[in-house]
Amino acid sequence: MFAFAAAQVKKAIEVTHELGGEGYTFWGGREGYMTLLNTDMKREQEHLAKLLHMAVTYKKADRFQGTIFTSSRSRRNRRSTNMIPTLRRA
């Protein structure tokens, strides 16, 4: 699964560069977890860190001058999957 994700990121950075994009965003909207009860979060964080480092290394090797961004899930998406009620300000 890690290799598949890395290949997708590599291709997306290549296409962004070819199209003259100014940046690439890692969008955290869909992690794919139904439950975290049997998930090794330390291992998952290590894999994410490795993927981000690999992406930056590839960006430099590909001479892509754009910025790499990371984004967490949007507030709307968090609310739809979060079991804890949240308060919104008007």
N, C-alpha and C. Protein backbone atom coordinates (compact mmCIF):
# COMPACT_ATOMS: atom_id res chain seq x y z
N MET A 1 0.81 -1.18 0.00
CA MET A 1 0.00 0.00 0.00
C MET A 1 0.87 1.26 0.00
N PHE A 2 1.95 1.23 0.77
CA PHE A 2 2.85 2.39 0.84
C PHE A 2 3.44 2.68 -0.54
N ALA A 3 3.90 1.63 -1.22
CA ALA A 3 4.51 1.81 -2.55
C ALA A 3 3.51 2.37 -3.54
N PHE A 4 2.26 1.94 -3.46
CA PHE A 4 1.21 2.45 -4.34
C PHE A 4 0.98 3.94 -4.09
N ALA A 5 0.90 4.32 -2.81
CA ALA A 5 0.71 5.74 -2.47
C ALA A 5 1.90 6.58 -2.94
N ALA A 6 3.11 6.06 -2.76
CA ALA A 6 4.31 6.79 -3.18
C ALA A 6 4.32 6.98 -4.70
N ALA A 7 3.91 5.95 -5.44
CA ALA A 7 3.87 6.05 -6.90
C ALA A 7 2.83 7.09 -7.34
N GLN A 8 1.69 7.13 -6.66
CA GLN A 8 0.67 8.13 -6.99
C GLN A 8 1.18 9.54 -6.74
N VAL A 9 1.85 9.75 -5.62
CA VAL A 9 2.41 11.07 -5.30
C VAL A 9 3.45 11.47 -6.33
N LYS A 10 4.33 10.53 -6.69
CA LYS A 10 5.38 10.80 -7.68
C LYS A 10 4.75 11.26 -9.00
N LYS A 11 3.75 10.53 -9.47
CA LYS A 11 3.10 10.89 -10.73
C LYS A 11 2.40 12.24 -10.62
N ALA A 12 1.75 12.49 -9.50
CA ALA A 12 1.05 13.76 -9.33
C ALA A 12 2.02 14.94 -9.32
N ILE A 13 3.18 14.77 -8.70
CA ILE A 13 4.19 15.84 -8.70
C ILE A 13 4.71 16.06 -10.11
N GLU A 14 4.94 14.97 -10.86
CA GLU A 14 5.39 15.10 -12.24
C GLU A 14 4.38 15.88 -13.08
N VAL A 15 3.11 15.52 -12.96
CA VAL A 15 2.07 16.18 -13.74
C VAL A 15 1.94 17.64 -13.32
N THR A 16 2.01 17.91 -12.02
CA THR A 16 1.95 19.29 -11.54
C THR A 16 3.09 20.11 -12.15
N HIS A 17 4.27 19.53 -12.17
CA HIS A 17 5.44 20.21 -12.74
C HIS A 17 5.25 20.45 -14.24
N GLU A 18 4.81 19.43 -14.96
CA GLU A 18 4.62 19.55 -16.41
C GLU A 18 3.57 20.61 -16.77
N LEU A 19 2.56 20.73 -15.93
CA LEU A 19 1.49 21.71 -16.20
C LEU A 19 1.81 23.10 -15.66
N GLY A 20 2.98 23.25 -15.06
CA GLY A 20 3.38 24.56 -14.55
C GLY A 20 2.73 24.92 -13.23
N GLY A 21 2.34 23.91 -12.47
CA GLY A 21 1.71 24.16 -11.17
C GLY A 21 2.67 24.83 -10.20
N GLU A 22 2.09 25.58 -9.27
CA GLU A 22 2.90 26.30 -8.30
C GLU A 22 3.06 25.56 -6.98
N GLY A 23 2.33 24.48 -6.80
CA GLY A 23 2.43 23.75 -5.55
C GLY A 23 1.69 22.43 -5.62
N TYR A 24 1.98 21.57 -4.66
CA TYR A 24 1.31 20.29 -4.55
C TYR A 24 0.83 20.16 -3.11
N THR A 25 -0.43 19.76 -2.93
CA THR A 25 -1.02 19.67 -1.61
C THR A 25 -1.32 18.22 -1.25
N PHE A 26 -0.84 17.80 -0.08
CA PHE A 26 -1.25 16.53 0.50
C PHE A 26 -2.54 16.82 1.25
N TRP A 27 -3.64 16.32 0.74
CA TRP A 27 -4.95 16.59 1.32
C TRP A 27 -5.33 15.43 2.23
N GLY A 28 -5.54 15.71 3.50
CA GLY A 28 -5.82 14.66 4.49
C GLY A 28 -7.29 14.36 4.67
N GLY A 29 -8.07 14.46 3.64
CA GLY A 29 -9.51 14.29 3.77
C GLY A 29 -10.00 12.87 3.93
N ARG A 30 -9.24 11.90 3.47
CA ARG A 30 -9.71 10.51 3.54
C ARG A 30 -8.57 9.60 3.98
N GLU A 31 -8.59 9.18 5.22
CA GLU A 31 -7.56 8.28 5.71
C GLU A 31 -7.92 6.82 5.46
N GLY A 32 -9.21 6.52 5.35
CA GLY A 32 -9.62 5.17 5.09
C GLY A 32 -9.80 4.31 6.32
N TYR A 33 -9.74 4.90 7.51
CA TYR A 33 -9.91 4.14 8.74
C TYR A 33 -11.38 4.08 9.14
N MET A 34 -11.85 2.90 9.49
CA MET A 34 -13.19 2.79 10.07
C MET A 34 -13.08 2.85 11.58
N THR A 35 -11.98 2.34 12.11
CA THR A 35 -11.72 2.40 13.55
C THR A 35 -10.21 2.46 13.76
N LEU A 36 -9.79 3.09 14.84
CA LEU A 36 -8.37 3.16 15.17
C LEU A 36 -8.00 2.15 16.25
N LEU A 37 -8.95 1.31 16.64
CA LEU A 37 -8.71 0.38 17.74
C LEU A 37 -7.58 -0.59 17.47
N ASN A 38 -7.43 -1.05 16.25
CA ASN A 38 -6.37 -2.01 15.94
C ASN A 38 -5.31 -1.41 15.01
N THR A 39 -5.12 -0.10 15.10
CA THR A 39 -4.17 0.59 14.24
C THR A 39 -2.94 1.00 15.06
N ASP A 40 -1.77 0.70 14.54
CA ASP A 40 -0.52 1.11 15.16
C ASP A 40 -0.21 2.54 14.71
N MET A 41 -0.64 3.51 15.50
CA MET A 41 -0.52 4.92 15.09
C MET A 41 0.93 5.36 14.95
N LYS A 42 1.82 4.84 15.78
CA LYS A 42 3.24 5.19 15.65
C LYS A 42 3.76 4.78 14.27
N ARG A 43 3.41 3.57 13.87
CA ARG A 43 3.84 3.07 12.55
C ARG A 43 3.23 3.91 11.43
N GLU A 44 1.95 4.27 11.57
CA GLU A 44 1.29 5.09 10.55
C GLU A 44 1.95 6.46 10.43
N GLN A 45 2.29 7.06 11.56
CA GLN A 45 2.96 8.37 11.54
C GLN A 45 4.35 8.27 10.92
N GLU A 46 5.05 7.19 11.21
CA GLU A 46 6.37 6.98 10.60
C GLU A 46 6.25 6.84 9.09
N HIS A 47 5.25 6.11 8.63
CA HIS A 47 5.05 5.96 7.19
C HIS A 47 4.70 7.29 6.53
N LEU A 48 3.85 8.08 7.18
CA LEU A 48 3.51 9.40 6.64
C LEU A 48 4.75 10.29 6.56
N ALA A 49 5.55 10.29 7.62
CA ALA A 49 6.77 11.10 7.62
C ALA A 49 7.70 10.66 6.50
N LYS A 50 7.85 9.36 6.32
CA LYS A 50 8.71 8.84 5.26
C LYS A 50 8.20 9.27 3.88
N LEU A 51 6.88 9.18 3.68
CA LEU A 51 6.28 9.57 2.40
C LEU A 51 6.51 11.06 2.13
N LEU A 52 6.32 11.90 3.14
CA LEU A 52 6.54 13.34 2.96
C LEU A 52 7.99 13.65 2.63
N HIS A 53 8.92 13.00 3.33
CA HIS A 53 10.34 13.20 3.04
C HIS A 53 10.69 12.74 1.63
N MET A 54 10.14 11.60 1.22
CA MET A 54 10.39 11.10 -0.14
C MET A 54 9.84 12.07 -1.19
N ALA A 55 8.67 12.63 -0.93
CA ALA A 55 8.07 13.58 -1.88
C ALA A 55 8.93 14.82 -2.03
N VAL A 56 9.45 15.34 -0.94
CA VAL A 56 10.31 16.53 -1.01
C VAL A 56 11.61 16.21 -1.73
N THR A 57 12.18 15.05 -1.45
CA THR A 57 13.41 14.63 -2.14
C THR A 57 13.16 14.50 -3.64
N TYR A 58 12.04 13.88 -4.01
CA TYR A 58 11.72 13.74 -5.43
C TYR A 58 11.47 15.10 -6.08
N LYS A 59 10.78 15.97 -5.37
CA LYS A 59 10.50 17.33 -5.88
C LYS A 59 11.81 18.02 -6.26
N LYS A 60 12.78 17.92 -5.40
CA LYS A 60 14.08 18.56 -5.66
C LYS A 60 14.79 17.90 -6.83
N ALA A 61 14.74 16.58 -6.92
CA ALA A 61 15.39 15.84 -8.01
C ALA A 61 14.72 16.14 -9.35
N ASP A 62 13.43 16.37 -9.33
CA ASP A 62 12.66 16.67 -10.54
C ASP A 62 12.74 18.14 -10.92
N ARG A 63 13.45 18.92 -10.10
CA ARG A 63 13.60 20.37 -10.31
C ARG A 63 12.26 21.11 -10.28
N PHE A 64 11.32 20.58 -9.52
CA PHE A 64 10.03 21.24 -9.34
C PHE A 64 10.21 22.33 -8.29
N GLN A 65 9.96 23.57 -8.68
CA GLN A 65 10.20 24.70 -7.79
C GLN A 65 8.99 25.04 -6.91
N GLY A 66 7.88 24.35 -7.11
CA GLY A 66 6.66 24.63 -6.35
C GLY A 66 6.79 24.27 -4.89
N THR A 67 5.78 24.64 -4.13
CA THR A 67 5.74 24.40 -2.70
C THR A 67 4.94 23.14 -2.40
N ILE A 68 5.38 22.39 -1.42
CA ILE A 68 4.63 21.22 -0.95
C ILE A 68 3.82 21.67 0.27
N PHE A 69 2.51 21.47 0.20
CA PHE A 69 1.63 21.84 1.30
C PHE A 69 1.04 20.59 1.93
N THR A 70 0.66 20.68 3.19
CA THR A 70 -0.13 19.64 3.83
C THR A 70 -1.40 20.28 4.37
N SER A 71 -2.47 19.54 4.33
CA SER A 71 -3.75 20.06 4.78
C SER A 71 -4.47 18.97 5.56
N SER A 72 -5.09 19.36 6.65
CA SER A 72 -5.89 18.39 7.40
C SER A 72 -7.28 18.33 6.79
N ARG A 73 -8.08 17.44 7.30
CA ARG A 73 -9.46 17.34 6.80
C ARG A 73 -10.17 18.66 7.02
N SER A 74 -11.09 18.97 6.14
CA SER A 74 -11.86 20.20 6.30
C SER A 74 -12.78 20.07 7.51
N ARG A 75 -13.22 21.17 8.05
CA ARG A 75 -14.09 21.17 9.21
C ARG A 75 -15.37 20.39 8.92
N ARG A 76 -15.90 20.53 7.73
CA ARG A 76 -17.13 19.84 7.36
C ARG A 76 -16.92 18.32 7.39
N ASN A 77 -15.81 17.85 6.83
CA ASN A 77 -15.54 16.41 6.82
C ASN A 77 -15.29 15.87 8.22
N ARG A 78 -14.61 16.64 9.06
CA ARG A 78 -14.38 16.19 10.43
C ARG A 78 -15.69 16.03 11.16
N ARG A 79 -16.58 16.97 10.97
CA ARG A 79 -17.85 16.93 11.68
C ARG A 79 -18.66 15.71 11.26
N SER A 80 -18.60 15.33 10.00
CA SER A 80 -19.40 14.21 9.52
C SER A 80 -18.89 12.87 10.04
N THR A 81 -17.60 12.77 10.38
CA THR A 81 -17.07 11.50 10.85
C THR A 81 -16.76 11.51 12.34
N ASN A 82 -16.83 12.66 12.97
CA ASN A 82 -16.49 12.79 14.37
C ASN A 82 -17.71 12.46 15.23
N MET A 83 -17.51 11.63 16.24
CA MET A 83 -18.61 11.25 17.11
C MET A 83 -18.80 12.25 18.25
N ILE A 84 -17.88 13.19 18.42
CA ILE A 84 -17.98 14.19 19.48
C ILE A 84 -18.64 15.43 18.91
N PRO A 85 -19.71 15.92 19.52
CA PRO A 85 -20.40 17.10 18.99
C PRO A 85 -19.47 18.32 19.02
N THR A 86 -19.59 19.14 18.02
CA THR A 86 -18.79 20.37 17.97
C THR A 86 -19.71 21.57 17.94
N LEU A 87 -19.23 22.68 18.46
CA LEU A 87 -20.01 23.92 18.46
C LEU A 87 -19.49 24.82 17.36
N ARG A 88 -20.40 25.42 16.63
CA ARG A 88 -20.00 26.36 15.58
C ARG A 88 -20.30 27.77 16.04
N ARG A 89 -19.43 28.67 15.71
CA ARG A 89 -19.66 30.08 16.00
C ARG A 89 -20.42 30.70 14.85
N ALA A 90 -21.33 31.59 15.19
CA ALA A 90 -22.12 32.25 14.15
C ALA A 90 -21.34 33.35 13.49
